[in-house]
Amino acid sequence: MFILWWIIVGIIAGWITGKIVSGGGYGVFMDMVIGIIGAIVGGFIMRTLGFVGHGGFIYTIVVAVGGAVLLTLLLRLVTRGRVKQI
């Protein structure tokens, strides 16, 4: 159930990240994948910094979007924007 929760949050975070980050995103599917991975990365970063995730749904979405935005910016830095939309 925990993994399903992060997948749902990641899909929402990917959609929001596609709207926030300029350049139109990487397409619907890749935005969702980046959102799911970004949710995991954001959760890891927050736990490492000592923040406890007792903020509920909104806190979880904010952390996931933060991780997804960070991951998107790193992906663009590494690929220099060469990733094609699916």
Protein backbone atom coordinates (compact mmCIF):
# COMPACT_ATOMS: atom_id res chain seq x y z
CA MET A 1 0.00 0.00 0.00
CA PHE A 2 2.90 2.32 0.78
CA ILE A 3 4.35 1.91 -2.73
CA LEU A 4 0.94 2.57 -4.33
CA TRP A 5 0.68 5.79 -2.30
CA TRP A 6 4.05 7.02 -3.59
CA ILE A 7 3.12 6.12 -7.17
CA ILE A 8 -0.08 8.18 -6.93
CA VAL A 9 1.74 11.09 -5.30
CA GLY A 10 4.52 10.78 -7.90
CA ILE A 11 2.07 10.98 -10.78
CA ILE A 12 0.54 14.13 -9.31
CA ALA A 13 4.00 15.57 -8.65
CA GLY A 14 5.11 14.77 -12.21
CA TRP A 15 2.13 16.57 -13.65
CA ILE A 16 2.72 19.62 -11.43
CA THR A 17 6.45 19.59 -12.24
CA GLY A 18 5.67 19.51 -15.96
CA LYS A 19 3.65 22.70 -15.45
CA ILE A 20 6.21 24.43 -13.19
CA VAL A 21 9.47 23.79 -15.05
CA SER A 22 9.73 25.77 -18.26
CA GLY A 23 10.29 23.97 -21.53
CA GLY A 24 7.11 21.91 -21.67
CA GLY A 25 8.36 18.87 -19.78
CA TYR A 26 9.28 15.54 -21.30
CA GLY A 27 5.83 14.34 -22.27
CA VAL A 28 3.08 12.87 -20.14
CA PHE A 29 4.67 9.47 -19.52
CA MET A 30 8.17 10.76 -18.72
CA ASP A 31 6.74 13.50 -16.47
CA MET A 32 4.97 10.76 -14.49
CA VAL A 33 8.12 8.65 -14.25
CA ILE A 34 10.17 11.67 -13.18
CA GLY A 35 7.45 12.51 -10.65
CA ILE A 36 7.53 9.02 -9.13
CA ILE A 37 11.32 8.98 -8.91
CA GLY A 38 11.32 12.58 -7.69
CA ALA A 39 8.86 11.69 -4.94
CA ILE A 40 11.26 9.03 -3.70
CA VAL A 41 14.24 11.40 -3.98
CA GLY A 42 12.37 14.20 -2.20
CA GLY A 43 11.33 11.87 0.62
CA PHE A 44 14.90 10.65 1.02
CA ILE A 45 16.27 14.20 1.13
CA MET A 46 13.71 15.31 3.71
CA ARG A 47 14.41 12.28 5.93
CA THR A 48 18.15 12.92 5.61
CA LEU A 49 17.65 16.53 6.70
CA GLY A 50 15.69 15.33 9.72
CA PHE A 51 12.17 16.35 8.72
CA VAL A 52 9.48 13.91 9.73
CA GLY A 53 6.64 13.44 7.24
CA HIS A 54 3.65 14.06 9.48
CA GLY A 55 2.23 16.86 7.36
CA GLY A 56 -0.32 14.77 5.50
CA PHE A 57 -1.20 14.82 1.84
CA ILE A 58 -0.18 18.42 1.08
CA TYR A 59 3.23 17.97 2.75
CA THR A 60 3.78 14.80 0.74
CA ILE A 61 2.87 16.52 -2.55
CA VAL A 62 5.17 19.48 -1.79
CA VAL A 63 8.09 17.17 -0.99
CA ALA A 64 7.43 15.09 -4.11
CA VAL A 65 7.21 18.17 -6.35
CA GLY A 66 10.45 19.49 -4.85
CA GLY A 67 12.20 16.21 -5.58
CA ALA A 68 10.74 16.03 -9.09
CA VAL A 69 11.76 19.60 -9.91
CA LEU A 70 15.28 18.89 -8.65
CA LEU A 71 15.44 15.69 -10.67
CA THR A 72 14.13 17.45 -13.81
CA LEU A 73 16.73 20.20 -13.51
CA LEU A 74 19.50 17.64 -13.03
CA LEU A 75 18.24 15.63 -16.00
CA ARG A 76 18.24 18.73 -18.19
CA LEU A 77 21.71 19.65 -17.00
CA VAL A 78 23.09 16.20 -17.84
CA THR A 79 21.28 15.76 -21.16
CA ARG A 80 21.37 19.45 -22.15
CA GLY A 81 17.75 19.20 -23.25
CA ARG A 82 18.34 16.40 -25.77
CA VAL A 83 15.67 14.07 -24.34
CA LYS A 84 12.83 13.70 -26.82
CA GLN A 85 9.20 13.70 -25.75
CA ILE A 86 7.44 10.36 -25.79
